[in-house]
Amino acid sequence: MKKLPKTRFHLVFSLLMGAMMISLMTLVITLVNVGLVPDFLSRWLRAFLIAYVVGVPVIFFLAPFARKLTGRYVEMP
């Protein structure tokens, strides 16, 4: 499998981190709010799609700032 160029690292990281974090968080919050109702899957999917559209750009633009801020307090590898 051919890898993407390293210039795409931040974009792919944002897409994957967004999918993992947002799916887990929306799953938990939907479960807490509505329980295991018959239409749980459609409710969760709707919440996921809305959060993904908002969350991925937030991760993309704020991750560099978060790394820089972390670097003030922690030695960088």
PDB file of N, CA and C in Angstrom:
ATOM      1  N   MET A   1       0.849  -1.186   0.000  1.00  0.00           N
ATOM      2  CA  MET A   1       0.000   0.000   0.000  1.00  0.00           C
ATOM      3  C   MET A   1       0.887   1.240   0.000  1.00  0.00           C
ATOM      4  N   LYS A   2       0.598   2.144  -0.887  1.00  0.00           N
ATOM      5  CA  LYS A   2       1.361   3.380  -0.983  1.00  0.00           C
ATOM      6  C   LYS A   2       0.910   4.361   0.096  1.00  0.00           C
ATOM      7  N   LYS A   3       1.872   4.958   0.773  1.00  0.00           N
ATOM      8  CA  LYS A   3       1.552   5.921   1.830  1.00  0.00           C
ATOM      9  C   LYS A   3       1.395   7.320   1.244  1.00  0.00           C
ATOM     10  N   LEU A   4       0.601   8.119   1.930  1.00  0.00           N
ATOM     11  CA  LEU A   4       0.455   9.517   1.550  1.00  0.00           C
ATOM     12  C   LEU A   4       1.718  10.273   1.947  1.00  0.00           C
ATOM     13  N   PRO A   5       1.963  11.405   1.318  1.00  0.00           N
ATOM     14  CA  PRO A   5       3.142  12.194   1.705  1.00  0.00           C
ATOM     15  C   PRO A   5       2.991  12.757   3.111  1.00  0.00           C
ATOM     16  N   LYS A   6       4.124  13.028   3.760  1.00  0.00           N
ATOM     17  CA  LYS A   6       4.087  13.499   5.148  1.00  0.00           C
ATOM     18  C   LYS A   6       3.393  14.847   5.299  1.00  0.00           C
ATOM     19  N   THR A   7       3.217  15.571   4.197  1.00  0.00           N
ATOM     20  CA  THR A   7       2.485  16.842   4.270  1.00  0.00           C
ATOM     21  C   THR A   7       1.010  16.619   4.608  1.00  0.00           C
ATOM     22  N   ARG A   8       0.523  15.405   4.454  1.00  0.00           N
ATOM     23  CA  ARG A   8      -0.877  15.073   4.761  1.00  0.00           C
ATOM     24  C   ARG A   8      -1.062  14.510   6.168  1.00  0.00           C
ATOM     25  N   PHE A   9       0.028  14.388   6.919  1.00  0.00           N
ATOM     26  CA  PHE A   9      -0.033  13.762   8.241  1.00  0.00           C
ATOM     27  C   PHE A   9      -1.062  14.434   9.142  1.00  0.00           C
ATOM     28  N   HIS A  10      -1.001  15.738   9.265  1.00  0.00           N
ATOM     29  CA  HIS A  10      -1.888  16.459  10.189  1.00  0.00           C
ATOM     30  C   HIS A  10      -3.354  16.295   9.794  1.00  0.00           C
ATOM     31  N   LEU A  11      -3.642  16.330   8.506  1.00  0.00           N
ATOM     32  CA  LEU A  11      -5.019  16.147   8.039  1.00  0.00           C
ATOM     33  C   LEU A  11      -5.529  14.749   8.361  1.00  0.00           C
ATOM     34  N   VAL A  12      -4.744  13.723   8.032  1.00  0.00           N
ATOM     35  CA  VAL A  12      -5.161  12.341   8.289  1.00  0.00           C
ATOM     36  C   VAL A  12      -5.278  12.094   9.787  1.00  0.00           C
ATOM     37  N   PHE A  13      -4.335  12.636  10.570  1.00  0.00           N
ATOM     38  CA  PHE A  13      -4.415  12.523  12.024  1.00  0.00           C
ATOM     39  C   PHE A  13      -5.721  13.126  12.531  1.00  0.00           C
ATOM     40  N   SER A  14      -6.067  14.302  12.061  1.00  0.00           N
ATOM     41  CA  SER A  14      -7.298  14.969  12.498  1.00  0.00           C
ATOM     42  C   SER A  14      -8.534  14.155  12.147  1.00  0.00           C
ATOM     43  N   LEU A  15      -8.562  13.594  10.940  1.00  0.00           N
ATOM     44  CA  LEU A  15      -9.709  12.778  10.523  1.00  0.00           C
ATOM     45  C   LEU A  15      -9.848  11.520  11.380  1.00  0.00           C
ATOM     46  N   LEU A  16      -8.725  10.843  11.630  1.00  0.00           N
ATOM     47  CA  LEU A  16      -8.772   9.607  12.426  1.00  0.00           C
ATOM     48  C   LEU A  16      -9.037   9.883  13.899  1.00  0.00           C
ATOM     49  N   MET A  17      -8.347  10.858  14.471  1.00  0.00           N
ATOM     50  CA  MET A  17      -8.568  11.198  15.883  1.00  0.00           C
ATOM     51  C   MET A  17     -10.000  11.663  16.080  1.00  0.00           C
ATOM     52  N   GLY A  18     -10.501  12.439  15.138  1.00  0.00           N
ATOM     53  CA  GLY A  18     -11.887  12.891  15.220  1.00  0.00           C
ATOM     54  C   GLY A  18     -12.854  11.726  15.206  1.00  0.00           C
ATOM     55  N   ALA A  19     -12.641  10.784  14.306  1.00  0.00           N
ATOM     56  CA  ALA A  19     -13.541   9.625  14.217  1.00  0.00           C
ATOM     57  C   ALA A  19     -13.530   8.813  15.500  1.00  0.00           C
ATOM     58  N   MET A  20     -12.335   8.571  16.048  1.00  0.00           N
ATOM     59  CA  MET A  20     -12.245   7.759  17.260  1.00  0.00           C
ATOM     60  C   MET A  20     -12.841   8.472  18.472  1.00  0.00           C
ATOM     61  N   MET A  21     -12.426   9.706  18.697  1.00  0.00           N
ATOM     62  CA  MET A  21     -12.871  10.431  19.878  1.00  0.00           C
ATOM     63  C   MET A  21     -14.366  10.761  19.808  1.00  0.00           C
ATOM     64  N   ILE A  22     -14.786  11.232  18.660  1.00  0.00           N
ATOM     65  CA  ILE A  22     -16.180  11.648  18.514  1.00  0.00           C
ATOM     66  C   ILE A  22     -17.123  10.453  18.556  1.00  0.00           C
ATOM     67  N   SER A  23     -16.727   9.323  17.974  1.00  0.00           N
ATOM     68  CA  SER A  23     -17.621   8.161  18.031  1.00  0.00           C
ATOM     69  C   SER A  23     -17.801   7.685  19.470  1.00  0.00           C
ATOM     70  N   LEU A  24     -16.726   7.644  20.226  1.00  0.00           N
ATOM     71  CA  LEU A  24     -16.828   7.210  21.622  1.00  0.00           C
ATOM     72  C   LEU A  24     -17.648   8.193  22.455  1.00  0.00           C
ATOM     73  N   MET A  25     -17.361   9.475  22.316  1.00  0.00           N
ATOM     74  CA  MET A  25     -18.069  10.472  23.125  1.00  0.00           C
ATOM     75  C   MET A  25     -19.557  10.543  22.774  1.00  0.00           C
ATOM     76  N   THR A  26     -19.887  10.541  21.483  1.00  0.00           N
ATOM     77  CA  THR A  26     -21.305  10.610  21.125  1.00  0.00           C
ATOM     78  C   THR A  26     -22.037   9.338  21.514  1.00  0.00           C
ATOM     79  N   LEU A  27     -21.354   8.199  21.455  1.00  0.00           N
ATOM     80  CA  LEU A  27     -21.961   6.945  21.899  1.00  0.00           C
ATOM     81  C   LEU A  27     -22.319   7.023  23.379  1.00  0.00           C
ATOM     82  N   VAL A  28     -21.375   7.452  24.191  1.00  0.00           N
ATOM     83  CA  VAL A  28     -21.605   7.534  25.640  1.00  0.00           C
ATOM     84  C   VAL A  28     -22.695   8.551  25.965  1.00  0.00           C
ATOM     85  N   ILE A  29     -22.601   9.723  25.396  1.00  0.00           N
ATOM     86  CA  ILE A  29     -23.575  10.778  25.711  1.00  0.00           C
ATOM     87  C   ILE A  29     -24.973  10.410  25.215  1.00  0.00           C
ATOM     88  N   THR A  30     -25.073   9.804  24.038  1.00  0.00           N
ATOM     89  CA  THR A  30     -26.380   9.374  23.542  1.00  0.00           C
ATOM     90  C   THR A  30     -26.957   8.290  24.444  1.00  0.00           C
ATOM     91  N   LEU A  31     -26.119   7.370  24.867  1.00  0.00           N
ATOM     92  CA  LEU A  31     -26.565   6.307  25.769  1.00  0.00           C
ATOM     93  C   LEU A  31     -27.036   6.878  27.104  1.00  0.00           C
ATOM     94  N   VAL A  32     -26.308   7.827  27.649  1.00  0.00           N
ATOM     95  CA  VAL A  32     -26.693   8.454  28.918  1.00  0.00           C
ATOM     96  C   VAL A  32     -28.004   9.223  28.762  1.00  0.00           C
ATOM     97  N   ASN A  33     -28.152   9.929  27.666  1.00  0.00           N
ATOM     98  CA  ASN A  33     -29.332  10.777  27.484  1.00  0.00           C
ATOM     99  C   ASN A  33     -30.606  10.021  27.139  1.00  0.00           C
ATOM    100  N   VAL A  34     -30.521   8.972  26.308  1.00  0.00           N
ATOM    101  CA  VAL A  34     -31.751   8.311  25.863  1.00  0.00           C
ATOM    102  C   VAL A  34     -31.831   6.847  26.243  1.00  0.00           C
ATOM    103  N   GLY A  35     -30.712   6.248  26.656  1.00  0.00           N
ATOM    104  CA  GLY A  35     -30.716   4.820  26.985  1.00  0.00           C
ATOM    105  C   GLY A  35     -30.743   3.972  25.727  1.00  0.00           C
ATOM    106  N   LEU A  36     -30.912   2.680  25.902  1.00  0.00           N
ATOM    107  CA  LEU A  36     -30.940   1.764  24.761  1.00  0.00           C
ATOM    108  C   LEU A  36     -32.350   1.667  24.182  1.00  0.00           C
ATOM    109  N   VAL A  37     -32.783   2.732  23.563  1.00  0.00           N
ATOM    110  CA  VAL A  37     -34.105   2.778  22.935  1.00  0.00           C
ATOM    111  C   VAL A  37     -34.038   2.115  21.571  1.00  0.00           C
ATOM    112  N   PRO A  38     -35.185   1.753  21.010  1.00  0.00           N
ATOM    113  CA  PRO A  38     -35.176   1.067  19.707  1.00  0.00           C
ATOM    114  C   PRO A  38     -34.468   1.839  18.584  1.00  0.00           C
ATOM    115  N   ASP A  39     -34.539   3.161  18.592  1.00  0.00           N
ATOM    116  CA  ASP A  39     -33.887   3.945  17.538  1.00  0.00           C
ATOM    117  C   ASP A  39     -32.530   4.512  17.988  1.00  0.00           C
ATOM    118  N   PHE A  40     -31.893   3.830  18.944  1.00  0.00           N
ATOM    119  CA  PHE A  40     -30.614   4.300  19.474  1.00  0.00           C
ATOM    120  C   PHE A  40     -29.576   4.498  18.378  1.00  0.00           C
ATOM    121  N   LEU A  41     -29.451   3.540  17.483  1.00  0.00           N
ATOM    122  CA  LEU A  41     -28.425   3.604  16.447  1.00  0.00           C
ATOM    123  C   LEU A  41     -28.601   4.828  15.551  1.00  0.00           C
ATOM    124  N   SER A  42     -29.817   5.126  15.153  1.00  0.00           N
ATOM    125  CA  SER A  42     -30.039   6.298  14.297  1.00  0.00           C
ATOM    126  C   SER A  42     -29.793   7.594  15.067  1.00  0.00           C
ATOM    127  N   ARG A  43     -30.155   7.626  16.345  1.00  0.00           N
ATOM    128  CA  ARG A  43     -29.881   8.814  17.170  1.00  0.00           C
ATOM    129  C   ARG A  43     -28.379   9.022  17.339  1.00  0.00           C
ATOM    130  N   TRP A  44     -27.676   7.911  17.612  1.00  0.00           N
ATOM    131  CA  TRP A  44     -26.231   8.013  17.784  1.00  0.00           C
ATOM    132  C   TRP A  44     -25.555   8.450  16.479  1.00  0.00           C
ATOM    133  N   LEU A  45     -25.962   7.875  15.363  1.00  0.00           N
ATOM    134  CA  LEU A  45     -25.370   8.226  14.081  1.00  0.00           C
ATOM    135  C   LEU A  45     -25.594   9.694  13.741  1.00  0.00           C
ATOM    136  N   ARG A  46     -26.763  10.193  14.030  1.00  0.00           N
ATOM    137  CA  ARG A  46     -27.050  11.615  13.787  1.00  0.00           C
ATOM    138  C   ARG A  46     -26.138  12.483  14.646  1.00  0.00           C
ATOM    139  N   ALA A  47     -26.031  12.151  15.929  1.00  0.00           N
ATOM    140  CA  ALA A  47     -25.155  12.902  16.827  1.00  0.00           C
ATOM    141  C   ALA A  47     -23.703  12.835  16.352  1.00  0.00           C
ATOM    142  N   PHE A  48     -23.270  11.643  15.914  1.00  0.00           N
ATOM    143  CA  PHE A  48     -21.903  11.476  15.432  1.00  0.00           C
ATOM    144  C   PHE A  48     -21.641  12.352  14.216  1.00  0.00           C
ATOM    145  N   LEU A  49     -22.535  12.336  13.245  1.00  0.00           N
ATOM    146  CA  LEU A  49     -22.319  13.105  12.021  1.00  0.00           C
ATOM    147  C   LEU A  49     -22.240  14.599  12.293  1.00  0.00           C
ATOM    148  N   ILE A  50     -23.115  15.096  13.137  1.00  0.00           N
ATOM    149  CA  ILE A  50     -23.077  16.517  13.489  1.00  0.00           C
ATOM    150  C   ILE A  50     -21.775  16.850  14.217  1.00  0.00           C
ATOM    151  N   ALA A  51     -21.415  16.033  15.194  1.00  0.00           N
ATOM    152  CA  ALA A  51     -20.194  16.286  15.966  1.00  0.00           C
ATOM    153  C   ALA A  51     -18.945  16.140  15.112  1.00  0.00           C
ATOM    154  N   TYR A  52     -18.943  15.216  14.160  1.00  0.00           N
ATOM    155  CA  TYR A  52     -17.776  15.008  13.307  1.00  0.00           C
ATOM    156  C   TYR A  52     -17.528  16.227  12.420  1.00  0.00           C
ATOM    157  N   VAL A  53     -18.602  16.770  11.866  1.00  0.00           N
ATOM    158  CA  VAL A  53     -18.486  17.954  11.009  1.00  0.00           C
ATOM    159  C   VAL A  53     -17.934  19.140  11.797  1.00  0.00           C
ATOM    160  N   VAL A  54     -18.292  19.249  13.047  1.00  0.00           N
ATOM    161  CA  VAL A  54     -17.790  20.342  13.895  1.00  0.00           C
ATOM    162  C   VAL A  54     -16.427  19.982  14.482  1.00  0.00           C
ATOM    163  N   GLY A  55     -16.267  18.757  14.944  1.00  0.00           N
ATOM    164  CA  GLY A  55     -15.084  18.371  15.704  1.00  0.00           C
ATOM    165  C   GLY A  55     -13.797  18.248  14.909  1.00  0.00           C
ATOM    166  N   VAL A  56     -13.861  17.723  13.699  1.00  0.00           N
ATOM    167  CA  VAL A  56     -12.631  17.536  12.920  1.00  0.00           C
ATOM    168  C   VAL A  56     -11.952  18.874  12.602  1.00  0.00           C
ATOM    169  N   PRO A  57     -12.674  19.883  12.146  1.00  0.00           N
ATOM    170  CA  PRO A  57     -11.996  21.170  11.947  1.00  0.00           C
ATOM    171  C   PRO A  57     -11.422  21.754  13.245  1.00  0.00           C
ATOM    172  N   VAL A  58     -12.123  21.538  14.346  1.00  0.00           N
ATOM    173  CA  VAL A  58     -11.602  22.017  15.629  1.00  0.00           C
ATOM    174  C   VAL A  58     -10.290  21.312  15.948  1.00  0.00           C
ATOM    175  N   ILE A  59     -10.241  19.999  15.785  1.00  0.00           N
ATOM    176  CA  ILE A  59      -9.006  19.250  16.022  1.00  0.00           C
ATOM    177  C   ILE A  59      -7.917  19.732  15.072  1.00  0.00           C
ATOM    178  N   PHE A  60      -8.258  19.897  13.804  1.00  0.00           N
ATOM    179  CA  PHE A  60      -7.277  20.300  12.797  1.00  0.00           C
ATOM    180  C   PHE A  60      -6.632  21.637  13.152  1.00  0.00           C
ATOM    181  N   PHE A  61      -7.440  22.602  13.568  1.00  0.00           N
ATOM    182  CA  PHE A  61      -6.902  23.938  13.828  1.00  0.00           C
ATOM    183  C   PHE A  61      -6.345  24.106  15.242  1.00  0.00           C
ATOM    184  N   LEU A  62      -6.863  23.369  16.218  1.00  0.00           N
ATOM    185  CA  LEU A  62      -6.399  23.548  17.588  1.00  0.00           C
ATOM    186  C   LEU A  62      -5.272  22.613  18.007  1.00  0.00           C
ATOM    187  N   ALA A  63      -5.067  21.496  17.308  1.00  0.00           N
ATOM    188  CA  ALA A  63      -4.008  20.556  17.688  1.00  0.00           C
ATOM    189  C   ALA A  63      -2.625  21.197  17.691  1.00  0.00           C
ATOM    190  N   PRO A  64      -2.257  22.003  16.677  1.00  0.00           N
ATOM    191  CA  PRO A  64      -0.935  22.642  16.742  1.00  0.00           C
ATOM    192  C   PRO A  64      -0.786  23.566  17.959  1.00  0.00           C
ATOM    193  N   PHE A  65      -1.835  24.283  18.281  1.00  0.00           N
ATOM    194  CA  PHE A  65      -1.811  25.159  19.455  1.00  0.00           C
ATOM    195  C   PHE A  65      -1.678  24.333  20.732  1.00  0.00           C
ATOM    196  N   ALA A  66      -2.412  23.211  20.797  1.00  0.00           N
ATOM    197  CA  ALA A  66      -2.335  22.338  21.974  1.00  0.00           C
ATOM    198  C   ALA A  66      -0.935  21.746  22.126  1.00  0.00           C
ATOM    199  N   ARG A  67      -0.303  21.355  21.010  1.00  0.00           N
ATOM    200  CA  ARG A  67       1.074  20.840  21.064  1.00  0.00           C
ATOM    201  C   ARG A  67       2.033  21.902  21.578  1.00  0.00           C
ATOM    202  N   LYS A  68       1.886  23.125  21.067  1.00  0.00           N
ATOM    203  CA  LYS A  68       2.763  24.225  21.478  1.00  0.00           C
ATOM    204  C   LYS A  68       2.567  24.541  22.964  1.00  0.00           C
ATOM    205  N   LEU A  69       1.331  24.565  23.404  1.00  0.00           N
ATOM    206  CA  LEU A  69       1.024  24.840  24.805  1.00  0.00           C
ATOM    207  C   LEU A  69       1.571  23.713  25.708  1.00  0.00           C
ATOM    208  N   THR A  70       1.428  22.469  25.266  1.00  0.00           N
ATOM    209  CA  THR A  70       1.961  21.340  26.011  1.00  0.00           C
ATOM    210  C   THR A  70       3.479  21.436  26.107  1.00  0.00           C
ATOM    211  N   GLY A  71       4.117  21.877  25.030  1.00  0.00           N
ATOM    212  CA  GLY A  71       5.562  22.030  25.008  1.00  0.00           C
ATOM    213  C   GLY A  71       6.082  23.029  26.023  1.00  0.00           C
ATOM    214  N   ARG A  72       5.249  23.924  26.463  1.00  0.00           N
ATOM    215  CA  ARG A  72       5.659  24.877  27.506  1.00  0.00           C
ATOM    216  C   ARG A  72       5.835  24.197  28.861  1.00  0.00           C
ATOM    217  N   TYR A  73       5.125  23.102  29.058  1.00  0.00           N
ATOM    218  CA  TYR A  73       5.104  22.446  30.365  1.00  0.00           C
ATOM    219  C   TYR A  73       5.786  21.080  30.396  1.00  0.00           C
ATOM    220  N   VAL A  74       5.992  20.497  29.207  1.00  0.00           N
ATOM    221  CA  VAL A  74       6.535  19.145  29.132  1.00  0.00           C
ATOM    222  C   VAL A  74       7.667  19.128  28.101  1.00  0.00           C
ATOM    223  N   GLU A  75       8.741  18.415  28.404  1.00  0.00           N
ATOM    224  CA  GLU A  75       9.817  18.281  27.433  1.00  0.00           C
ATOM    225  C   GLU A  75       9.287  17.555  26.200  1.00  0.00           C
ATOM    226  N   MET A  76       9.619  18.061  25.052  1.00  0.00           N
ATOM    227  CA  MET A  76       9.169  17.438  23.807  1.00  0.00           C
ATOM    228  C   MET A  76      10.090  16.251  23.461  1.00  0.00           C
ATOM    229  N   PRO A  77       9.532  15.193  22.897  1.00  0.00           N
ATOM    230  CA  PRO A  77      10.367  14.030  22.541  1.00  0.00           C
ATOM    231  C   PRO A  77      11.320  14.363  21.389  1.00  0.00           C
TER     232      PRO A  77
END
